[in-house]
Amino acid sequence: MLVVMKAHATEEQVRAVCEKIESLGYRAHAMPGAQRTAIGITGNQGEVEPGTLEELPGVQELIRVSKPYKLVSRDVKQENTVIRFPGTDATVGGPGLAIMAGPCAIESREQAMAVAERVCRAGAQFFRGGAYKPRTSPYSFQGLGEQGLQIMAEVRDKFGMKIVTEAIDNESLELVEQYADIIQIGARNMQNFSLLKRAGRTRKPVLLKRGMSATLEEFLMAAEYVMSEGNYQVILCERGVRTFADHTRNTLDLSVVPAVRRLSHLPILVDPSHGTGKRNKVTPLSRAAVAVGADGLIVEVHSEPDKALSDGMQSLYPEQFEELMAQVRQIAPVVGRTVPGIGAHVSVDLRTQTDFHAPAAD
């Protein structure tokens, strides 16, 4: 059920409706829009009795939401969700493309700083890197843990980029939310419902990657788990699904991008690195992702990918990432998007200044 408020409903009227919904034993989710506020109702087993709500001041109408995902749906919010970050002009979901880049795993301070300088100068506003790595083999590099998070915090301080990193369980999430600007939930955890609920109780944006065999509805329902706990800052990410194809690591399903944009107000990014698993396919699929309407890219970059401890085969060299950005800048205006200029968000010349410290993230 969805309560649509009148265009000029006051904050007090919205609050009164939310309190009434809560008093009935349900949960209220106020979703402000450009024209009016909609209030989603969850926790009800059947249809809510209209008479208890539709006569309240400021209520325009009640709408039954038939989709299994309520808060994710455009029925609740017609406008695209735009996620903003205090102290920066970086956004996810706005007209500007969100560019996230960095190594698969944080291996050392020197490695992270070297990659961060290059991707920052090329125009990335977000630095991605894994401090916790869920690997297929228990003997593979599992990440540096909190030390990796501390290194990423140094990257943020020095280069001004917001940081994106994965939490693999409830315990690691406790630490990740202390350091990260965006908490990533990986493909293997897309249906880890206890972790999704825990992420929903944070107040940090959550980047949710599509599971390796997930349908579109399952993907959106996973986002619903996060939002149902009160965190409405969810970013979806297509990273490839498993098929019979063997010419790539996964099959990057770009058709899911317009499908998501039709059904949901949430932003969606594309990860062409995991989506292909092959370095020579990352740039072409990045071009295609922008053309099909993705809100941004998350790309793996490593100064020495042949020596990488994780996913070196799909990591771009820094100069390849710079070329990718140049090509994306040509395509973006055609679809009405913008891309940060080269070093546009950096206030000093990184080649000559080594002691630059941007304001710490809020």
Protein backbone atom coordinates (compact mmCIF):
# COMPACT_ATOMS: atom_id res chain seq x y z
CA MET A 1 0.00 0.00 0.00
CA LEU A 2 1.16 3.52 -0.81
CA VAL A 3 -0.08 6.77 0.71
CA VAL A 4 0.32 9.71 -1.69
CA MET A 5 0.37 13.07 0.04
CA LYS A 6 -0.92 16.29 -1.49
CA ALA A 7 1.62 18.54 -3.20
CA HIS A 8 1.55 21.09 -0.38
CA ALA A 9 1.31 18.68 2.55
CA THR A 10 3.31 19.92 5.53
CA GLU A 11 6.02 18.02 7.37
CA GLU A 12 3.66 17.79 10.34
CA GLN A 13 0.96 16.16 8.20
CA VAL A 14 3.47 13.66 6.77
CA ARG A 15 4.68 12.87 10.27
CA ALA A 16 1.10 12.42 11.52
CA VAL A 17 0.37 9.90 8.75
CA CYS A 18 3.58 7.99 9.55
CA GLU A 19 2.64 7.89 13.24
CA LYS A 20 -0.83 6.60 12.37
CA ILE A 21 0.64 3.85 10.19
CA GLU A 22 3.01 2.84 12.99
CA SER A 23 0.13 2.80 15.50
CA LEU A 24 -1.64 0.26 13.28
CA GLY A 25 1.34 -2.08 13.63
CA TYR A 26 2.85 -1.40 10.21
CA ARG A 27 6.04 0.36 9.15
CA ALA A 28 6.03 3.72 7.39
CA HIS A 29 8.64 4.75 4.80
CA ALA A 30 8.40 8.41 3.78
CA MET A 31 9.93 8.99 0.33
CA PRO A 32 10.03 12.71 -0.56
CA GLY A 33 9.77 13.49 -4.27
CA ALA A 34 10.11 16.60 -6.39
CA GLN A 35 6.36 17.30 -6.31
CA ARG A 36 4.99 15.37 -3.36
CA THR A 37 5.84 12.85 -0.67
CA ALA A 38 4.80 9.21 -0.91
CA ILE A 39 4.67 6.98 2.15
CA GLY A 40 5.19 3.28 1.62
CA ILE A 41 3.58 0.83 4.04
CA THR A 42 5.29 -2.47 4.81
CA GLY A 43 4.57 -5.20 7.33
CA ASN A 44 0.94 -5.61 6.33
CA GLN A 45 -0.24 -9.07 5.38
CA GLY A 46 -3.25 -7.83 3.45
CA GLU A 47 -4.72 -4.58 2.20
CA VAL A 48 -4.79 -1.70 4.69
CA GLU A 49 -8.26 -0.41 5.46
CA PRO A 50 -8.42 2.85 3.46
CA GLY A 51 -10.74 4.68 5.82
CA THR A 52 -8.14 4.77 8.58
CA LEU A 53 -5.75 6.84 6.50
CA GLU A 54 -7.42 8.58 3.59
CA GLU A 55 -9.28 11.06 5.80
CA LEU A 56 -6.12 12.31 7.48
CA PRO A 57 -5.08 15.90 6.61
CA GLY A 58 -2.73 16.15 3.65
CA VAL A 59 -3.53 12.71 2.18
CA GLN A 60 -4.43 12.73 -1.51
CA GLU A 61 -4.97 9.04 -2.23
CA LEU A 62 -4.08 5.45 -1.33
CA ILE A 63 -2.64 3.20 -4.03
CA ARG A 64 -2.28 -0.56 -3.87
CA VAL A 65 1.22 -1.65 -4.96
CA SER A 66 0.99 -5.03 -6.66
CA LYS A 67 4.72 -5.67 -7.12
CA PRO A 68 6.47 -7.79 -4.47
CA TYR A 69 9.09 -5.05 -4.12
CA LYS A 70 7.43 -1.94 -2.75
CA LEU A 71 10.03 0.66 -1.76
CA VAL A 72 12.28 -0.07 -4.74
CA SER A 73 9.44 0.49 -7.21
CA ARG A 74 8.70 3.60 -9.24
CA ASP A 75 5.16 3.29 -7.92
CA VAL A 76 6.53 4.69 -4.67
CA LYS A 77 8.88 7.26 -6.20
CA GLN A 78 8.72 8.44 -9.80
CA GLU A 79 11.88 10.56 -9.67
CA ASN A 80 15.30 8.95 -9.91
CA THR A 81 17.05 8.61 -6.57
CA VAL A 82 20.21 10.70 -6.44
CA ILE A 83 22.73 9.87 -3.71
CA ARG A 84 24.87 12.80 -2.61
CA PHE A 85 28.00 13.00 -0.47
CA PRO A 86 28.69 15.90 1.92
CA GLY A 87 31.72 17.98 1.05
CA THR A 88 31.88 16.98 -2.62
CA ASP A 89 29.98 17.39 -5.87
CA ALA A 90 30.15 13.63 -6.54
CA THR A 91 26.75 11.97 -6.90
CA VAL A 92 25.34 8.60 -7.90
CA GLY A 93 22.18 8.73 -9.97
CA GLY A 94 22.35 12.34 -11.13
CA PRO A 95 23.21 13.63 -14.62
CA GLY A 96 26.91 13.06 -13.97
CA LEU A 97 28.27 9.55 -14.36
CA ALA A 98 29.69 8.06 -11.15
CA ILE A 99 33.13 6.66 -11.93
CA MET A 100 34.58 4.21 -9.39
CA ALA A 101 38.05 2.82 -9.98
CA GLY A 102 40.86 1.10 -8.12
CA PRO A 103 42.44 -2.30 -7.51
CA CYS A 104 40.46 -5.44 -6.81
CA ALA A 105 42.28 -5.79 -3.48
CA ILE A 106 44.30 -3.40 -1.35
CA GLU A 107 47.71 -5.10 -1.25
CA SER A 108 49.89 -2.37 0.27
CA ARG A 109 49.93 1.36 0.93
CA GLU A 110 52.32 1.94 -1.99
CA GLN A 111 50.12 0.01 -4.42
CA ALA A 112 46.94 1.81 -3.34
CA MET A 113 48.49 5.28 -3.51
CA ALA A 114 50.02 4.67 -6.93
CA VAL A 115 46.70 3.53 -8.41
CA ALA A 116 44.70 6.22 -6.61
CA GLU A 117 46.84 9.02 -8.03
CA ARG A 118 46.34 7.83 -11.59
CA VAL A 119 42.60 7.16 -11.44
CA CYS A 120 41.99 10.40 -9.55
CA ARG A 121 43.86 12.40 -12.18
CA ALA A 122 41.85 10.64 -14.91
CA GLY A 123 38.55 11.77 -13.34
CA ALA A 124 37.37 9.04 -10.96
CA GLN A 125 35.46 10.46 -7.98
CA PHE A 126 35.34 7.16 -6.07
CA PHE A 127 38.16 4.80 -5.13
CA ARG A 128 37.23 1.12 -4.98
CA GLY A 129 39.28 -1.58 -3.33
CA GLY A 130 38.80 -4.73 -1.28
CA ALA A 131 39.97 -4.99 2.32
CA TYR A 132 38.00 -8.24 2.73
CA LYS A 133 38.06 -10.64 -0.19
CA PRO A 134 35.65 -13.58 -0.43
CA ARG A 135 37.62 -15.98 -2.63
CA THR A 136 36.71 -19.28 -4.23
CA SER A 137 39.79 -20.90 -2.70
CA PRO A 138 40.45 -20.63 1.05
CA TYR A 139 44.16 -20.47 0.21
CA SER A 140 43.90 -17.36 -1.95
CA PHE A 141 44.68 -13.85 -0.67
CA GLN A 142 41.81 -12.86 1.61
CA GLY A 143 42.61 -9.16 2.03
CA LEU A 144 44.35 -7.00 4.64
CA GLY A 145 41.27 -6.44 6.79
CA GLU A 146 41.31 -3.28 8.90
CA GLN A 147 44.77 -2.38 7.66
CA GLY A 148 43.31 -2.22 4.15
CA LEU A 149 40.49 0.02 5.38
CA GLN A 150 43.01 2.35 7.00
CA ILE A 151 44.94 2.60 3.74
CA MET A 152 41.75 3.47 1.89
CA ALA A 153 41.01 6.19 4.46
CA GLU A 154 44.45 7.63 3.69
CA VAL A 155 43.56 7.61 0.00
CA ARG A 156 40.42 9.61 0.76
CA ASP A 157 42.36 12.12 2.84
CA LYS A 158 45.07 12.59 0.22
CA PHE A 159 43.08 12.60 -3.01
CA GLY A 160 39.57 13.61 -1.97
CA MET A 161 37.88 10.56 -3.49
CA LYS A 162 35.09 8.78 -1.64
CA ILE A 163 35.88 5.14 -0.91
CA VAL A 164 33.90 2.01 -1.79
CA THR A 165 34.69 -1.33 -0.18
CA GLU A 166 32.98 -4.63 0.53
CA ALA A 167 31.62 -6.07 3.75
CA ILE A 168 31.47 -9.86 3.59
CA ASP A 169 29.61 -10.57 6.86
CA ASN A 170 28.04 -8.81 9.84
CA GLU A 171 31.35 -8.66 11.69
CA SER A 172 33.29 -7.00 8.86
CA LEU A 173 30.40 -4.61 8.24
CA GLU A 174 30.90 -3.15 11.72
CA LEU A 175 34.39 -2.03 10.67
CA VAL A 176 33.58 -1.17 7.06
CA GLU A 177 30.87 1.31 8.04
CA GLN A 178 33.39 3.17 10.20
CA TYR A 179 35.72 3.75 7.24
CA ALA A 180 33.77 3.53 3.98
CA ASP A 181 31.65 6.12 2.21
CA ILE A 182 29.82 3.36 0.33
CA ILE A 183 29.39 -0.18 1.68
CA GLN A 184 29.50 -2.84 -1.02
CA ILE A 185 27.51 -6.07 -0.76
CA GLY A 186 29.06 -8.50 -3.23
CA ALA A 187 27.42 -10.89 -5.66
CA ARG A 188 27.95 -13.89 -3.40
CA ASN A 189 26.05 -12.11 -0.61
CA MET A 190 23.15 -10.72 -2.64
CA GLN A 191 20.78 -13.09 -0.85
CA ASN A 192 22.53 -13.09 2.51
CA PHE A 193 19.40 -11.69 4.11
CA SER A 194 20.82 -11.10 7.58
CA LEU A 195 23.67 -9.08 6.04
CA LEU A 196 21.22 -7.12 3.87
CA LYS A 197 19.14 -6.27 6.93
CA ARG A 198 22.23 -5.20 8.83
CA ALA A 199 23.27 -2.98 5.91
CA GLY A 200 19.79 -1.51 5.98
CA ARG A 201 20.39 -0.31 9.52
CA THR A 202 23.47 1.71 8.56
CA ARG A 203 23.22 5.26 7.32
CA LYS A 204 25.83 4.78 4.63
CA PRO A 205 24.93 4.20 0.96
CA VAL A 206 24.93 0.52 -0.01
CA LEU A 207 26.24 -0.73 -3.36
CA LEU A 208 24.43 -4.00 -4.06
CA LYS A 209 25.86 -6.28 -6.73
CA ARG A 210 23.63 -8.65 -8.65
CA GLY A 211 24.03 -12.31 -7.74
CA MET A 212 25.66 -14.63 -10.24
CA SER A 213 22.36 -16.34 -11.14
CA ALA A 214 19.84 -13.75 -9.93
CA THR A 215 16.76 -12.79 -11.89
CA LEU A 216 15.75 -9.15 -12.11
CA GLU A 217 13.02 -9.65 -9.50
CA GLU A 218 15.41 -11.37 -7.11
CA PHE A 219 17.86 -8.50 -7.58
CA LEU A 220 15.23 -5.89 -6.77
CA MET A 221 13.93 -7.91 -3.82
CA ALA A 222 17.45 -7.96 -2.35
CA ALA A 223 17.45 -4.16 -2.53
CA GLU A 224 14.04 -4.20 -0.85
CA TYR A 225 15.59 -6.00 2.12
CA VAL A 226 18.01 -3.11 2.63
CA MET A 227 15.37 -0.42 2.16
CA SER A 228 12.83 -2.15 4.39
CA GLU A 229 15.19 -1.52 7.32
CA GLY A 230 15.16 2.23 6.66
CA ASN A 231 18.22 2.77 4.45
CA TYR A 232 16.98 4.23 1.17
CA GLN A 233 20.45 4.97 -0.23
CA VAL A 234 20.85 1.86 -2.37
CA ILE A 235 22.93 1.62 -5.55
CA LEU A 236 22.41 -1.39 -7.81
CA CYS A 237 25.27 -2.91 -9.80
CA GLU A 238 25.22 -5.30 -12.76
CA ARG A 239 28.40 -7.43 -12.71
CA GLY A 240 27.61 -10.30 -15.03
CA VAL A 241 25.72 -13.57 -14.61
CA ARG A 242 26.66 -17.19 -15.16
CA THR A 243 25.72 -18.66 -18.55
CA PHE A 244 27.01 -21.41 -20.81
CA ALA A 245 29.40 -18.94 -22.50
CA ASP A 246 33.09 -19.60 -21.92
CA HIS A 247 34.68 -16.70 -23.82
CA THR A 248 34.26 -14.46 -20.77
CA ARG A 249 34.33 -15.00 -17.01
CA ASN A 250 30.65 -14.00 -16.80
CA THR A 251 28.05 -12.72 -19.25
CA LEU A 252 27.51 -8.99 -18.72
CA ASP A 253 23.74 -8.47 -18.95
CA LEU A 254 23.44 -4.88 -20.14
CA SER A 255 19.75 -5.40 -20.91
CA VAL A 256 19.11 -5.30 -17.16
CA VAL A 257 20.04 -1.58 -17.08
CA PRO A 258 17.01 -0.23 -19.00
CA ALA A 259 14.86 -2.88 -17.29
CA VAL A 260 15.88 -1.58 -13.86
CA ARG A 261 15.43 2.04 -14.91
CA ARG A 262 11.87 1.28 -16.04
CA LEU A 263 10.86 -0.52 -12.84
CA SER A 264 12.89 1.23 -10.13
CA HIS A 265 13.99 4.70 -9.09
CA LEU A 266 17.34 3.39 -7.79
CA PRO A 267 20.59 4.15 -9.66
CA ILE A 268 22.37 1.28 -11.39
CA LEU A 269 26.08 0.96 -12.18
CA VAL A 270 27.89 -1.55 -14.38
CA ASP A 271 31.03 -3.50 -13.44
CA PRO A 272 32.64 -4.49 -16.76
CA SER A 273 35.70 -5.94 -14.99
CA HIS A 274 33.87 -8.79 -13.24
CA GLY A 275 31.34 -8.84 -16.06
CA THR A 276 33.95 -9.98 -18.56
CA GLY A 277 36.99 -11.09 -16.56
CA LYS A 278 39.22 -10.08 -19.46
CA ARG A 279 41.15 -6.84 -19.70
CA ASN A 280 40.64 -6.35 -23.44
CA LYS A 281 36.86 -6.41 -23.05
CA VAL A 282 36.54 -3.90 -20.20
CA THR A 283 36.74 -0.71 -22.28
CA PRO A 284 34.30 -1.84 -25.04
CA LEU A 285 31.75 -2.95 -22.44
CA SER A 286 32.23 0.31 -20.54
CA ARG A 287 31.31 2.23 -23.69
CA ALA A 288 28.24 0.05 -24.12
CA ALA A 289 27.21 0.46 -20.48
CA VAL A 290 27.20 4.25 -20.78
CA ALA A 291 25.30 4.07 -24.06
CA VAL A 292 22.60 1.83 -22.60
CA GLY A 293 21.93 4.23 -19.70
CA ALA A 294 24.03 3.10 -16.73
CA ASP A 295 24.51 5.69 -14.00
CA GLY A 296 28.21 4.93 -13.72
CA LEU A 297 31.02 2.39 -13.88
CA ILE A 298 33.08 0.46 -11.35
CA VAL A 299 36.38 -0.55 -12.94
CA GLU A 300 39.41 -2.42 -11.63
CA VAL A 301 42.77 -0.73 -12.21
CA HIS A 302 46.23 -1.92 -11.12
CA SER A 303 49.70 -0.50 -11.79
CA GLU A 304 51.12 -4.02 -12.20
CA PRO A 305 48.16 -6.30 -12.94
CA ASP A 306 50.40 -9.26 -13.81
CA LYS A 307 51.59 -9.21 -10.19
CA ALA A 308 48.16 -8.56 -8.65
CA LEU A 309 47.11 -10.79 -5.77
CA SER A 310 43.52 -10.81 -7.01
CA ASP A 311 41.87 -10.57 -10.46
CA GLY A 312 44.88 -9.25 -12.35
CA MET A 313 43.56 -10.57 -15.68
CA GLN A 314 40.60 -8.19 -15.59
CA SER A 315 42.43 -5.14 -14.22
CA LEU A 316 43.30 -2.27 -16.55
CA TYR A 317 46.69 -0.59 -16.59
CA PRO A 318 46.36 3.10 -15.54
CA GLU A 319 46.96 4.31 -19.09
CA GLN A 320 44.18 2.01 -20.33
CA PHE A 321 41.84 3.52 -17.74
CA GLU A 322 42.76 7.00 -18.97
CA GLU A 323 41.85 5.95 -22.52
CA LEU A 324 38.59 4.44 -21.25
CA MET A 325 37.72 7.78 -19.64
CA ALA A 326 38.52 9.65 -22.85
CA GLN A 327 36.14 7.40 -24.79
CA VAL A 328 33.40 7.63 -22.17
CA ARG A 329 33.62 11.43 -22.34
CA GLN A 330 32.79 11.23 -26.03
CA ILE A 331 29.77 8.97 -25.55
CA ALA A 332 28.23 10.50 -22.42
CA PRO A 333 26.86 13.73 -23.98
CA VAL A 334 25.00 11.71 -26.60
CA VAL A 335 22.87 10.16 -23.83
CA GLY A 336 22.59 13.38 -21.81
CA ARG A 337 25.24 12.57 -19.21
CA THR A 338 28.37 14.36 -18.06
CA VAL A 339 31.75 13.01 -16.94
CA PRO A 340 34.27 14.74 -14.63
CA GLY A 341 37.12 16.37 -16.51
CA ILE A 342 40.72 15.26 -16.18
CA GLY A 343 41.68 16.07 -12.61
CA ALA A 344 38.57 18.28 -12.34
CA HIS A 345 37.99 17.57 -8.65
CA VAL A 346 41.67 17.80 -7.66
CA SER A 347 42.75 21.20 -6.35
CA VAL A 348 46.50 20.72 -6.78
CA ASP A 349 48.84 19.17 -9.33
CA LEU A 350 49.37 15.66 -8.04
CA ARG A 351 52.59 15.35 -10.01
CA THR A 352 54.32 18.07 -7.99
CA GLN A 353 52.51 18.01 -4.64
CA THR A 354 52.79 14.97 -2.40
CA ASP A 355 51.42 16.45 0.79
CA PHE A 356 47.91 17.32 -0.43
CA HIS A 357 45.14 16.51 2.04
CA ALA A 358 41.54 17.01 0.99
CA PRO A 359 38.92 17.62 3.68
CA ALA A 360 38.08 14.39 5.48
CA ALA A 361 34.79 12.78 4.47
CA ASP A 362 31.78 13.32 6.68
